[in-house]
Amino acid sequence: MTPFLLYLGRASLYLALFYAFYLLVMRRTSLFRSNRAALLLSTALCHLLPTLRLRTVVLPAVAPMTAEAAAQGAASPAPAAAAPFPWLTVLYLIGTTTVLLLCLLSVLRTLRIIRGGTSVPCEGCHLTLVDRDIPSFSWGRRVVMSRSDYERYPAILAHERQHIRCRHSLDVLLMTGVCALHWFNPLAWIARAELKLLHEYEADEGLLRQGIDATQYQLLLVRKAVGEQRFSLANGFNHAKLKQRINMMQRNPSSPWMRLSYLALLPLLAGTMFLCNPVRAQVAQNDSSQSVPFSLIEKKPTFRGGDANEFNKWVRENLVYPKDAYDAGIQGIVMVAFDVCEDGVVRNVKVLRGVNPTLDAEALRVINSSPKWEPGLQDGKPVKVTYQFPVIFLLQNNETTLGPATNAVDPESGRQVQSHLKVSIENDPHDSIPFALVEQKPTFQGNDAATFAKWVAERLTYPKEAKDQKIQGRVMVAFDVCEDGVVRNVKVLRGVNPTLDAEALRVINSSPKWEPGLQDGKPVKVTYQFPVIFQMSKNERPGFLFIPVLRRPGFYRIIWR
């Protein structure tokens, strides 16, 4: 419902702009048909403009997201907060329903009047005469009037037939629907009243062109001015403002060139369109030297139909552990950056953080030999996407590796060697496998990270000191799920406040056992990152405070805390 409300808000802004222009500039002109057409067409146009999205191209200063961080972030969701009650949506629906019910009441009242009257043959319309005294009105092709008015004032019937000839009922129906959608916008109701007044102007003009005496007709308007408006969906003989109608009959015709005044709206509407459309963070696609960061792309690049784990699997299968690094027991993570270009080819491969020249060279060789990807899409078009990827070289006690070994050619010596793939290091307590790259993820009580988030939220105690100071935020914690499922090595990566940090550590350290992660079928230690969120309830949330400014007595600084 929120996107629809945003659409209505933009449309209401356009309507307010046009209606205000009409009331200030065109209201007093005698161009009745032109003004009526302008009101109707602009109303339709103001509902079309919000669907035309203009975006300004801006290059954001945001660092690209690594594959490891993206996978860990996706696997470690924050505790789901309860969705707030949609008060704005409910209020809007109540207002719209109220307007529709009032319109339905007007229709029922009109039908009851018609059923209580007598149908009389009449050329060009369906005439219903009512024995009691009621204001005359027309709806569709039907005219309803009292029998006494029909016998004494034929001009009233001629006036209502002008409404039918011009099909004014359709205009009223359209504007009633607009008012039901924009009931919160007072200018929409004013525009509806102005349109009905234009209907009266147009009907009066048509009647005077038929040769009726203007003075006698104006006296008839004065005589019939007493009455109340009871049929809001109909065009009534007494409904419009009498003084304005008489003044408009006596006014000299406006110049046809006044129609060009509507052209002044074009720059105003264009400016409003740019203000109502958000600035979109993206990179110009025509510049081949720039690329879209992985974290900002609309549709991520895919490798053989899968995500980063699929590419990691391919890298593992093609990685050759250099013999000199293997013999020397050198291991580590080589962070590589590369671009997935518009044609899906991997280019611009470079090492961001290396470990050893031979390991770095092997990482570059493997990434450069990558098959084509499915390119990322921005606005439905392929774009170049910057990617960061960790190539991990790990040994198991410098002796053996887990998983199948494949034959490959050493690029330096040209000799055929075995590729020692990324392995777990279960015997080395100082190393662990990142969560994003482990084959089988650890599980908590048989479920994923959402269950652990719920468990943490149930046991979290908001420190009184932090609550009194209105401190809230997200504490990012890292920990290891070891081979036996026990949580160890808990530490704060990014804290908020010492008391909140300590509470986050306490809860994570009290975690029950997990089901450990598996690598090549064996339990391994897995590094995990998890956000612990401290958020106060609604009645405890921050407010404005007046803080006295030091050295300036009597002056205060308003802050949000």
Protein backbone atom coordinates (compact mmCIF):
# COMPACT_ATOMS: atom_id res chain seq x y z
CA MET A 1 0.00 0.00 0.00
CA THR A 2 2.91 2.38 0.68
CA PRO A 3 3.95 2.70 -3.03
CA PHE A 4 0.34 3.54 -3.88
CA LEU A 5 0.26 6.24 -1.19
CA LEU A 6 3.51 7.66 -2.53
CA TYR A 7 1.99 7.70 -6.01
CA LEU A 8 -1.09 9.51 -4.68
CA GLY A 9 1.10 12.01 -2.87
CA ARG A 10 2.93 12.89 -6.08
CA ALA A 11 -0.32 13.06 -8.07
CA SER A 12 -1.86 15.27 -5.38
CA LEU A 13 1.11 17.62 -5.64
CA TYR A 14 0.62 17.94 -9.40
CA LEU A 15 -3.13 18.50 -8.93
CA ALA A 16 -2.54 21.18 -6.31
CA LEU A 17 -0.11 22.95 -8.65
CA PHE A 18 -2.56 23.00 -11.57
CA TYR A 19 -5.66 23.84 -9.54
CA ALA A 20 -3.86 26.70 -7.82
CA PHE A 21 -2.84 28.06 -11.23
CA TYR A 22 -6.42 27.78 -12.47
CA LEU A 23 -7.86 29.58 -9.43
CA LEU A 24 -5.32 32.40 -9.63
CA VAL A 25 -5.21 32.95 -13.42
CA MET A 26 -8.06 31.35 -15.38
CA ARG A 27 -10.99 31.31 -12.98
CA ARG A 28 -12.46 34.70 -13.99
CA THR A 29 -12.20 34.20 -17.75
CA SER A 30 -15.24 33.44 -19.89
CA LEU A 31 -13.51 30.61 -21.78
CA PHE A 32 -15.88 28.06 -20.27
CA ARG A 33 -15.35 25.16 -22.65
CA SER A 34 -11.58 25.61 -22.71
CA ASN A 35 -11.38 25.81 -18.93
CA ARG A 36 -13.60 22.76 -18.56
CA ALA A 37 -11.45 20.77 -20.98
CA ALA A 38 -8.28 21.99 -19.23
CA LEU A 39 -9.56 20.90 -15.82
CA LEU A 40 -10.45 17.43 -17.06
CA LEU A 41 -7.31 16.86 -19.13
CA SER A 42 -5.01 18.20 -16.44
CA THR A 43 -6.61 15.91 -13.87
CA ALA A 44 -5.84 12.91 -16.08
CA LEU A 45 -2.33 14.23 -16.83
CA CYS A 46 -1.58 14.78 -13.13
CA HIS A 47 -2.28 11.08 -12.53
CA LEU A 48 -0.02 10.08 -15.43
CA LEU A 49 3.03 12.21 -14.56
CA PRO A 50 3.94 10.29 -11.36
CA THR A 51 4.43 7.16 -13.47
CA LEU A 52 7.14 8.89 -15.54
CA ARG A 53 10.30 8.34 -13.50
CA LEU A 54 13.25 10.62 -14.17
CA ARG A 55 16.49 9.74 -12.42
CA THR A 56 19.63 11.80 -12.03
CA VAL A 57 22.86 9.88 -12.57
CA VAL A 58 25.13 10.13 -9.52
CA LEU A 59 28.29 8.20 -8.75
CA PRO A 60 28.08 7.10 -5.08
CA ALA A 61 31.15 7.02 -2.87
CA VAL A 62 30.46 3.53 -1.56
CA ALA A 63 33.04 0.79 -1.37
CA PRO A 64 32.24 -2.41 -3.28
CA MET A 65 31.04 -5.34 -1.25
CA THR A 66 33.14 -8.46 -1.22
CA ALA A 67 31.68 -11.84 -1.99
CA GLU A 68 32.53 -12.97 1.52
CA ALA A 69 30.89 -9.99 3.17
CA ALA A 70 27.84 -10.23 0.93
CA ALA A 71 27.33 -13.89 1.72
CA GLN A 72 27.86 -13.37 5.46
CA GLY A 73 25.52 -10.43 5.49
CA ALA A 74 22.84 -12.44 3.72
CA ALA A 75 23.31 -15.36 6.06
CA SER A 76 23.32 -13.27 9.23
CA PRO A 77 20.07 -11.30 9.21
CA ALA A 78 19.26 -8.89 11.98
CA PRO A 79 16.49 -9.84 14.36
CA ALA A 80 13.21 -9.16 12.64
CA ALA A 81 11.44 -6.22 14.23
CA ALA A 82 7.69 -6.25 14.50
CA ALA A 83 6.12 -4.39 11.59
CA PRO A 84 4.52 -1.12 12.75
CA PHE A 85 0.78 -0.81 12.45
CA PRO A 86 -0.04 0.93 9.14
CA TRP A 87 -1.87 3.89 10.66
CA LEU A 88 -1.44 6.04 7.55
CA THR A 89 -2.93 3.39 5.29
CA VAL A 90 -5.87 2.80 7.63
CA LEU A 91 -6.54 6.55 7.89
CA TYR A 92 -6.50 6.90 4.10
CA LEU A 93 -8.88 3.97 3.62
CA ILE A 94 -11.26 5.37 6.25
CA GLY A 95 -11.36 8.72 4.44
CA THR A 96 -11.91 7.15 1.02
CA THR A 97 -14.61 4.86 2.36
CA THR A 98 -16.40 7.79 4.00
CA VAL A 99 -16.45 9.77 0.75
CA LEU A 100 -17.76 6.78 -1.21
CA LEU A 101 -20.48 6.14 1.37
CA LEU A 102 -21.62 9.77 1.16
CA CYS A 103 -21.75 9.50 -2.63
CA LEU A 104 -23.75 6.29 -2.36
CA LEU A 105 -26.15 8.05 0.02
CA SER A 106 -26.61 10.85 -2.52
CA VAL A 107 -27.33 8.31 -5.28
CA LEU A 108 -29.91 6.50 -3.14
CA ARG A 109 -31.59 9.77 -2.25
CA THR A 110 -31.73 10.73 -5.94
CA LEU A 111 -33.19 7.33 -6.92
CA ARG A 112 -35.84 7.65 -4.24
CA ILE A 113 -36.90 11.04 -5.62
CA ILE A 114 -37.06 9.65 -9.16
CA ARG A 115 -39.14 6.64 -8.12
CA GLY A 116 -41.59 8.91 -6.31
CA GLY A 117 -42.15 11.07 -9.38
CA THR A 118 -44.04 10.72 -12.64
CA SER A 119 -42.31 10.20 -16.00
CA VAL A 120 -43.43 12.61 -18.70
CA PRO A 121 -42.52 12.36 -22.43
CA CYS A 122 -39.96 15.00 -23.35
CA GLU A 123 -37.81 15.47 -26.44
CA GLY A 124 -34.10 14.90 -25.88
CA CYS A 125 -34.32 13.72 -22.25
CA HIS A 126 -36.22 11.64 -19.68
CA LEU A 127 -38.35 13.99 -17.62
CA THR A 128 -39.56 13.14 -14.11
CA LEU A 129 -42.05 15.46 -12.40
CA VAL A 130 -42.42 15.51 -8.62
CA ASP A 131 -45.54 16.89 -6.97
CA ARG A 132 -43.66 18.50 -4.04
CA ASP A 133 -41.33 21.47 -4.22
CA ILE A 134 -37.73 20.34 -4.83
CA PRO A 135 -34.70 21.93 -6.52
CA SER A 136 -34.52 20.93 -10.16
CA PHE A 137 -31.53 18.82 -11.21
CA SER A 138 -30.31 16.60 -14.03
CA TRP A 139 -28.32 13.37 -14.07
CA GLY A 140 -27.35 11.48 -17.20
CA ARG A 141 -30.23 11.98 -19.60
CA ARG A 142 -32.84 12.46 -16.90
CA VAL A 143 -34.24 15.76 -15.63
CA VAL A 144 -36.06 15.90 -12.29
CA MET A 145 -38.10 18.97 -11.37
CA SER A 146 -41.23 19.91 -9.52
CA ARG A 147 -44.51 19.99 -11.44
CA SER A 148 -45.07 23.65 -10.58
CA ASP A 149 -41.66 24.66 -12.01
CA TYR A 150 -42.40 22.65 -15.17
CA GLU A 151 -45.68 24.48 -15.73
CA ARG A 152 -44.50 28.01 -14.78
CA TYR A 153 -40.79 28.20 -15.79
CA PRO A 154 -39.92 26.52 -19.10
CA ALA A 155 -36.47 28.12 -18.89
CA ILE A 156 -35.55 25.74 -16.08
CA LEU A 157 -36.18 22.71 -18.30
CA ALA A 158 -34.20 24.35 -21.11
CA HIS A 159 -31.32 24.97 -18.68
CA GLU A 160 -31.21 21.34 -17.54
CA ARG A 161 -31.34 20.14 -21.14
CA GLN A 162 -28.17 22.17 -21.77
CA HIS A 163 -26.49 20.13 -19.02
CA ILE A 164 -27.58 16.92 -20.74
CA ARG A 165 -26.42 18.10 -24.17
CA CYS A 166 -22.95 18.92 -22.81
CA ARG A 167 -22.72 15.62 -20.85
CA HIS A 168 -21.85 17.38 -17.61
CA SER A 169 -22.80 14.35 -15.52
CA LEU A 170 -19.73 12.47 -16.73
CA ASP A 171 -17.51 15.32 -15.55
CA VAL A 172 -19.09 15.29 -12.09
CA LEU A 173 -18.68 11.53 -11.85
CA LEU A 174 -14.99 11.78 -12.78
CA MET A 175 -14.29 14.55 -10.26
CA THR A 176 -16.15 12.65 -7.55
CA GLY A 177 -13.77 9.74 -8.10
CA VAL A 178 -10.81 12.14 -7.89
CA CYS A 179 -12.13 13.54 -4.61
CA ALA A 180 -12.52 10.01 -3.25
CA LEU A 181 -8.84 9.33 -4.05
CA HIS A 182 -7.59 12.75 -2.91
CA TRP A 183 -10.03 13.49 -0.09
CA PHE A 184 -7.14 14.86 1.97
CA ASN A 185 -6.37 17.56 -0.63
CA PRO A 186 -8.70 20.57 -0.20
CA LEU A 187 -7.87 21.84 -3.69
CA ALA A 188 -9.43 18.69 -5.16
CA TRP A 189 -12.77 19.59 -3.57
CA ILE A 190 -12.42 23.20 -4.67
CA ALA A 191 -11.70 22.04 -8.23
CA ARG A 192 -14.84 19.89 -8.17
CA ALA A 193 -16.92 22.88 -7.12
CA GLU A 194 -15.27 25.05 -9.78
CA LEU A 195 -16.03 22.45 -12.45
CA LYS A 196 -19.70 22.39 -11.46
CA LEU A 197 -19.70 26.19 -11.60
CA LEU A 198 -18.24 25.99 -15.12
CA HIS A 199 -21.14 23.67 -16.00
CA GLU A 200 -23.59 26.34 -14.89
CA TYR A 201 -21.71 29.03 -16.84
CA GLU A 202 -21.80 26.85 -19.96
CA ALA A 203 -25.50 26.02 -19.54
CA ASP A 204 -26.35 29.71 -18.98
CA GLU A 205 -24.36 30.70 -22.06
CA GLY A 206 -26.14 28.09 -24.19
CA LEU A 207 -29.51 29.27 -22.95
CA LEU A 208 -28.76 32.94 -23.71
CA ARG A 209 -27.64 32.00 -27.22
CA GLN A 210 -31.10 30.50 -27.81
CA GLY A 211 -32.55 34.02 -27.45
CA ILE A 212 -33.94 33.96 -23.92
CA ASP A 213 -34.19 37.39 -22.26
CA ALA A 214 -31.13 37.76 -20.02
CA THR A 215 -32.88 40.07 -17.50
CA GLN A 216 -35.87 37.75 -17.05
CA TYR A 217 -33.56 34.77 -16.75
CA GLN A 218 -31.48 36.46 -14.06
CA LEU A 219 -34.67 37.35 -12.13
CA LEU A 220 -35.66 33.68 -12.33
CA LEU A 221 -32.28 32.71 -10.85
CA VAL A 222 -32.82 35.10 -7.97
CA ARG A 223 -36.36 33.80 -7.41
CA LYS A 224 -35.22 30.18 -7.31
CA ALA A 225 -32.01 30.78 -5.32
CA VAL A 226 -33.52 29.68 -2.00
CA GLY A 227 -32.99 25.97 -1.35
CA GLU A 228 -30.42 23.50 -0.13
CA GLN A 229 -28.05 21.27 -2.05
CA ARG A 230 -29.24 17.72 -1.55
CA PHE A 231 -28.04 15.93 -4.65
CA SER A 232 -24.26 16.28 -4.75
CA LEU A 233 -23.83 14.07 -7.84
CA ALA A 234 -26.36 15.98 -9.95
CA ASN A 235 -26.33 19.33 -11.80
CA GLY A 236 -28.87 21.46 -9.97
CA PHE A 237 -30.56 24.67 -11.10
CA ASN A 238 -29.94 26.34 -7.72
CA HIS A 239 -26.64 24.80 -6.76
CA ALA A 240 -24.09 27.25 -8.12
CA LYS A 241 -23.24 30.66 -6.67
CA LEU A 242 -25.88 33.07 -7.93
CA LYS A 243 -23.83 36.28 -7.86
CA GLN A 244 -20.98 34.76 -9.82
CA ARG A 245 -23.32 33.42 -12.49
CA ILE A 246 -25.02 36.77 -12.97
CA ASN A 247 -21.69 38.61 -13.10
CA MET A 248 -20.36 36.15 -15.66
CA MET A 249 -23.43 36.74 -17.90
CA GLN A 250 -22.74 40.48 -17.83
CA ARG A 251 -18.96 40.24 -18.37
CA ASN A 252 -17.38 40.91 -21.75
CA PRO A 253 -15.99 37.81 -23.48
CA SER A 254 -12.37 36.99 -22.64
CA SER A 255 -9.71 37.07 -25.33
CA PRO A 256 -9.08 33.66 -26.93
CA TRP A 257 -5.36 34.31 -26.46
CA MET A 258 -5.86 33.76 -22.73
CA ARG A 259 -5.77 30.04 -23.51
CA LEU A 260 -2.03 30.38 -24.02
CA SER A 261 -1.69 31.14 -20.31
CA TYR A 262 -1.75 27.39 -19.70
CA LEU A 263 1.67 27.18 -21.37
CA ALA A 264 3.12 28.85 -18.28
CA LEU A 265 2.44 25.58 -16.45
CA LEU A 266 4.93 23.62 -18.55
CA PRO A 267 8.13 24.79 -16.77
CA LEU A 268 6.38 24.45 -13.39
CA LEU A 269 5.34 20.86 -14.14
CA ALA A 270 8.81 20.01 -15.48
CA GLY A 271 10.46 21.37 -12.34
CA THR A 272 8.03 19.47 -10.13
CA MET A 273 8.77 16.25 -12.01
CA PHE A 274 12.48 16.54 -11.22
CA LEU A 275 11.73 17.33 -7.58
CA CYS A 276 9.35 14.37 -7.24
CA ASN A 277 11.72 11.84 -8.79
CA PRO A 278 14.50 10.48 -6.57
CA VAL A 279 18.17 10.78 -7.34
CA ARG A 280 19.29 7.32 -8.20
CA ALA A 281 22.77 6.10 -7.32
CA GLN A 282 24.23 4.55 -10.43
CA VAL A 283 27.04 4.93 -12.89
CA ALA A 284 26.68 6.20 -16.43
CA GLN A 285 26.56 3.12 -18.61
CA ASN A 286 28.05 4.86 -21.60
CA ASP A 287 31.35 5.32 -19.78
CA SER A 288 33.26 2.10 -20.26
CA SER A 289 35.92 3.16 -17.74
CA GLN A 290 33.48 3.03 -14.81
CA SER A 291 31.59 0.16 -13.28
CA VAL A 292 28.74 -0.36 -10.84
CA PRO A 293 29.76 -1.61 -7.37
CA PHE A 294 28.49 -5.09 -6.60
CA SER A 295 26.49 -3.84 -3.60
CA LEU A 296 24.51 -1.33 -5.72
CA ILE A 297 23.69 -3.36 -8.83
CA GLU A 298 20.01 -4.16 -9.33
CA LYS A 299 20.50 -7.69 -10.68
CA LYS A 300 23.71 -9.38 -9.52
CA PRO A 301 26.01 -11.21 -11.95
CA THR A 302 25.65 -14.99 -11.80
CA PHE A 303 28.15 -17.76 -12.49
CA ARG A 304 26.71 -20.86 -14.15
CA GLY A 305 23.31 -19.95 -12.76
CA GLY A 306 24.56 -19.70 -9.18
CA ASP A 307 26.00 -17.14 -6.77
CA ALA A 308 29.47 -16.60 -5.27
CA ASN A 309 29.50 -20.11 -3.80
CA GLU A 310 29.25 -21.58 -7.28
CA PHE A 311 32.21 -19.51 -8.45
CA ASN A 312 34.14 -20.44 -5.30
CA LYS A 313 33.53 -24.10 -6.10
CA TRP A 314 34.91 -23.60 -9.61
CA VAL A 315 37.98 -21.79 -8.23
CA ARG A 316 38.66 -24.65 -5.82
CA GLU A 317 38.49 -27.17 -8.63
CA ASN A 318 41.01 -25.27 -10.74
CA LEU A 319 43.37 -23.96 -8.07
CA VAL A 320 46.97 -25.28 -8.08
CA TYR A 321 48.89 -24.88 -4.84
CA PRO A 322 52.39 -23.63 -5.89
CA LYS A 323 54.99 -26.20 -4.84
CA ASP A 324 57.41 -23.75 -3.21
CA ALA A 325 54.63 -22.20 -1.10
CA TYR A 326 53.30 -25.66 -0.25
CA ASP A 327 56.74 -26.89 0.82
CA ALA A 328 57.31 -23.74 2.90
CA GLY A 329 53.91 -24.09 4.59
CA ILE A 330 52.71 -20.68 3.36
CA GLN A 331 48.95 -20.20 3.47
CA GLY A 332 46.47 -17.34 3.64
CA ILE A 333 43.74 -15.40 1.85
CA VAL A 334 44.51 -13.51 -1.37
CA MET A 335 41.89 -10.79 -1.88
CA VAL A 336 41.32 -10.29 -5.61
CA ALA A 337 39.24 -7.65 -7.41
CA PHE A 338 37.90 -8.05 -10.95
CA ASP A 339 35.20 -6.73 -13.28
CA VAL A 340 32.41 -8.79 -14.78
CA CYS A 341 31.95 -6.83 -18.00
CA GLU A 342 28.85 -6.29 -20.11
CA ASP A 343 29.65 -9.36 -22.23
CA GLY A 344 30.18 -11.54 -19.14
CA VAL A 345 33.97 -11.73 -19.56
CA VAL A 346 36.15 -11.28 -16.46
CA ARG A 347 38.68 -8.46 -16.90
CA ASN A 348 40.87 -6.09 -14.86
CA VAL A 349 41.89 -8.77 -12.37
CA LYS A 350 44.22 -7.46 -9.67
CA VAL A 351 45.36 -8.35 -6.16
CA LEU A 352 44.07 -6.05 -3.43
CA ARG A 353 45.74 -7.82 -0.53
CA GLY A 354 48.33 -10.49 -1.21
CA VAL A 355 50.03 -13.20 0.84
CA ASN A 356 53.00 -14.40 -1.20
CA PRO A 357 54.10 -13.70 -4.81
CA THR A 358 53.52 -17.28 -5.92
CA LEU A 359 50.12 -17.53 -4.20
CA ASP A 360 49.14 -14.14 -5.61
CA ALA A 361 50.16 -15.22 -9.13
CA GLU A 362 48.16 -18.45 -8.84
CA ALA A 363 45.09 -16.54 -7.69
CA LEU A 364 45.38 -14.17 -10.66
CA ARG A 365 45.85 -17.11 -13.07
CA VAL A 366 42.70 -18.88 -11.88
CA ILE A 367 40.49 -15.77 -11.89
CA ASN A 368 41.75 -14.73 -15.35
CA SER A 369 40.82 -18.18 -16.70
CA SER A 370 37.22 -17.85 -15.48
CA PRO A 371 34.48 -18.80 -17.97
CA LYS A 372 31.91 -16.20 -18.93
CA TRP A 373 29.40 -15.01 -16.34
CA GLU A 374 25.85 -13.85 -16.82
CA PRO A 375 26.42 -10.06 -16.63
CA GLY A 376 24.72 -7.84 -14.07
CA LEU A 377 21.76 -5.70 -15.13
CA GLN A 378 21.00 -2.06 -14.32
CA ASP A 379 17.67 -0.73 -15.61
CA GLY A 380 17.43 -3.89 -17.69
CA LYS A 381 20.75 -3.34 -19.48
CA PRO A 382 24.05 -5.24 -19.00
CA VAL A 383 26.68 -3.23 -17.11
CA LYS A 384 30.21 -3.72 -15.86
CA VAL A 385 30.22 -4.81 -12.19
CA THR A 386 33.12 -4.57 -9.75
CA TYR A 387 33.63 -7.74 -7.71
CA GLN A 388 35.93 -8.63 -4.83
CA PHE A 389 36.66 -12.26 -4.08
CA PRO A 390 38.83 -14.09 -1.52
CA VAL A 391 41.02 -16.89 -2.90
CA ILE A 392 41.93 -19.05 0.10
CA PHE A 393 45.08 -21.17 0.33
CA LEU A 394 44.95 -23.36 3.45
CA LEU A 395 46.93 -26.44 4.48
CA GLN A 396 46.14 -29.20 6.93
CA ASN A 397 49.28 -29.53 9.10
CA ASN A 398 51.35 -29.06 5.92
CA GLU A 399 50.79 -32.73 5.10
CA THR A 400 47.60 -33.59 3.29
CA THR A 401 44.57 -31.92 1.90
CA LEU A 402 40.91 -32.78 2.14
CA GLY A 403 38.97 -33.37 -1.03
CA PRO A 404 40.04 -34.72 -4.41
CA ALA A 405 43.40 -33.67 -5.85
CA THR A 406 43.52 -32.92 -9.58
CA ASN A 407 46.46 -32.85 -11.98
CA ALA A 408 47.49 -29.49 -13.34
CA VAL A 409 50.52 -27.81 -14.86
CA ASP A 410 52.69 -25.49 -12.76
CA PRO A 411 52.82 -22.21 -14.76
CA GLU A 412 56.44 -21.53 -13.69
CA SER A 413 58.17 -24.91 -14.03
CA GLY A 414 55.88 -26.49 -16.59
CA ARG A 415 55.82 -29.70 -14.53
CA GLN A 416 52.62 -31.60 -13.82
CA VAL A 417 51.68 -31.25 -10.14
CA GLN A 418 48.71 -31.97 -7.92
CA SER A 419 46.35 -29.14 -7.04
CA HIS A 420 45.89 -28.90 -3.30
CA LEU A 421 42.46 -27.43 -2.84
CA LYS A 422 41.07 -25.20 -0.11
CA VAL A 423 40.69 -27.36 2.98
CA SER A 424 39.53 -27.17 6.56
CA ILE A 425 42.13 -26.74 9.26
CA GLU A 426 40.43 -28.57 12.09
CA ASN A 427 43.75 -29.36 13.78
CA ASP A 428 44.86 -25.72 13.80
CA PRO A 429 42.99 -23.80 16.49
CA HIS A 430 44.10 -20.46 15.10
CA ASP A 431 42.44 -20.71 11.66
CA SER A 432 38.86 -21.14 10.54
CA ILE A 433 36.84 -21.14 7.35
CA PRO A 434 34.73 -18.05 6.56
CA PHE A 435 31.00 -18.69 6.75
CA ALA A 436 30.53 -17.72 3.09
CA LEU A 437 32.86 -20.46 1.82
CA VAL A 438 32.10 -23.47 3.99
CA GLU A 439 30.33 -26.24 2.11
CA GLN A 440 27.66 -27.06 4.72
CA LYS A 441 26.73 -24.14 6.96
CA PRO A 442 26.47 -24.48 10.75
CA THR A 443 22.89 -24.69 12.01
CA PHE A 444 21.36 -23.56 15.30
CA GLN A 445 18.71 -25.83 16.83
CA GLY A 446 18.06 -27.32 13.41
CA ASN A 447 17.44 -23.98 11.68
CA ASP A 448 19.30 -21.05 10.17
CA ALA A 449 20.53 -17.71 11.53
CA ALA A 450 16.97 -16.40 11.97
CA THR A 451 16.43 -18.91 14.80
CA PHE A 452 19.65 -17.79 16.48
CA ALA A 453 18.56 -14.16 16.10
CA LYS A 454 15.28 -14.96 17.84
CA TRP A 455 17.14 -16.79 20.61
CA VAL A 456 19.42 -13.79 21.15
CA ALA A 457 16.51 -11.33 21.18
CA GLU A 458 14.70 -13.37 23.88
CA ARG A 459 17.73 -13.32 26.21
CA LEU A 460 18.99 -9.83 25.59
CA THR A 461 18.75 -7.46 28.58
CA TYR A 462 18.89 -3.76 27.83
CA PRO A 463 21.47 -2.24 30.24
CA LYS A 464 19.80 0.37 32.48
CA GLU A 465 22.65 2.82 32.06
CA ALA A 466 22.37 2.75 28.28
CA LYS A 467 18.58 2.98 28.43
CA ASP A 468 18.72 6.01 30.72
CA GLN A 469 21.06 7.71 28.26
CA LYS A 470 18.82 6.76 25.32
CA ILE A 471 21.66 4.85 23.64
CA GLN A 472 20.74 2.33 20.98
CA GLY A 473 22.39 0.81 17.93
CA ARG A 474 23.90 -2.31 16.35
CA VAL A 475 26.83 -4.20 17.88
CA MET A 476 28.62 -6.31 15.26
CA VAL A 477 30.03 -9.46 16.88
CA ALA A 478 32.30 -12.16 15.42
CA PHE A 479 32.62 -15.68 16.81
CA ASP A 480 33.68 -19.18 15.82
CA VAL A 481 31.40 -22.20 15.70
CA CYS A 482 34.01 -24.87 16.47
CA GLU A 483 34.16 -28.49 15.40
CA ASP A 484 32.28 -29.59 18.51
CA GLY A 485 29.55 -26.98 17.96
CA VAL A 486 30.68 -24.78 20.87
CA VAL A 487 30.79 -21.01 20.33
CA ARG A 488 34.25 -19.60 21.09
CA ASN A 489 36.45 -16.57 20.35
CA VAL A 490 33.60 -14.08 20.70
CA LYS A 491 34.71 -10.51 20.04
CA VAL A 492 33.23 -7.15 19.09
CA LEU A 493 34.06 -5.97 15.58
CA ARG A 494 32.14 -2.72 15.75
CA GLY A 495 30.74 -1.52 19.05
CA VAL A 496 28.23 1.09 20.14
CA ASN A 497 28.76 1.59 23.87
CA PRO A 498 30.77 -0.37 26.49
CA THR A 499 27.64 -1.54 28.33
CA LEU A 500 25.85 -2.60 25.13
CA ASP A 501 29.01 -4.29 23.85
CA ALA A 502 29.39 -6.22 27.12
CA GLU A 503 25.77 -7.37 27.03
CA ALA A 504 26.16 -8.56 23.44
CA LEU A 505 29.26 -10.57 24.39
CA ARG A 506 27.47 -12.07 27.42
CA VAL A 507 24.54 -13.33 25.37
CA ILE A 508 26.63 -14.75 22.51
CA ASN A 509 28.99 -16.48 24.97
CA SER A 510 25.99 -18.20 26.59
CA SER A 511 24.88 -19.74 23.29
CA PRO A 512 24.01 -23.46 23.31
CA LYS A 513 25.86 -25.80 21.00
CA TRP A 514 25.40 -25.56 17.26
CA GLU A 515 25.51 -28.23 14.64
CA PRO A 516 29.03 -27.61 13.26
CA GLY A 517 29.74 -26.79 9.65
CA LEU A 518 31.11 -29.48 7.36
CA GLN A 519 33.88 -29.30 4.80
CA ASP A 520 34.32 -32.38 2.65
CA GLY A 521 32.12 -34.23 5.13
CA LYS A 522 34.19 -33.37 8.24
CA PRO A 523 33.36 -30.85 11.01
CA VAL A 524 35.34 -27.61 10.77
CA LYS A 525 35.62 -24.37 12.65
CA VAL A 526 33.58 -21.63 10.95
CA THR A 527 33.89 -17.87 11.44
CA TYR A 528 30.57 -16.13 11.89
CA GLN A 529 29.57 -12.47 12.04
CA PHE A 530 26.32 -11.48 13.70
CA PRO A 531 24.62 -8.11 14.46
CA VAL A 532 23.14 -7.68 17.95
CA ILE A 533 20.58 -4.89 17.77
CA PHE A 534 19.60 -2.76 20.76
CA GLN A 535 16.43 -0.79 20.05
CA MET A 536 14.18 0.80 22.63
CA SER A 537 10.41 0.48 22.56
CA LYS A 538 8.28 3.21 21.05
CA ASN A 539 7.53 5.03 24.29
CA GLU A 540 11.22 4.99 25.21
CA ARG A 541 12.55 6.34 21.92
CA PRO A 542 14.61 9.53 21.79
CA GLY A 543 13.08 12.97 21.84
CA PHE A 544 14.15 16.59 21.67
CA LEU A 545 16.21 17.91 24.57
CA PHE A 546 17.15 21.49 25.37
CA ILE A 547 20.82 21.58 26.38
CA PRO A 548 22.20 24.86 27.82
CA VAL A 549 25.07 26.24 25.77
CA LEU A 550 28.17 26.73 27.89
CA ARG A 551 29.51 30.28 28.25
CA ARG A 552 26.28 31.72 26.87
CA PRO A 553 23.67 31.97 29.65
CA GLY A 554 20.10 31.91 28.47
CA PHE A 555 20.93 30.17 25.18
CA TYR A 556 19.98 26.57 24.50
CA ARG A 557 20.91 24.05 21.84
CA ILE A 558 18.19 21.65 20.69
CA ILE A 559 19.56 18.15 20.11
CA TRP A 560 18.04 14.79 19.23
CA ARG A 561 18.94 11.95 21.51
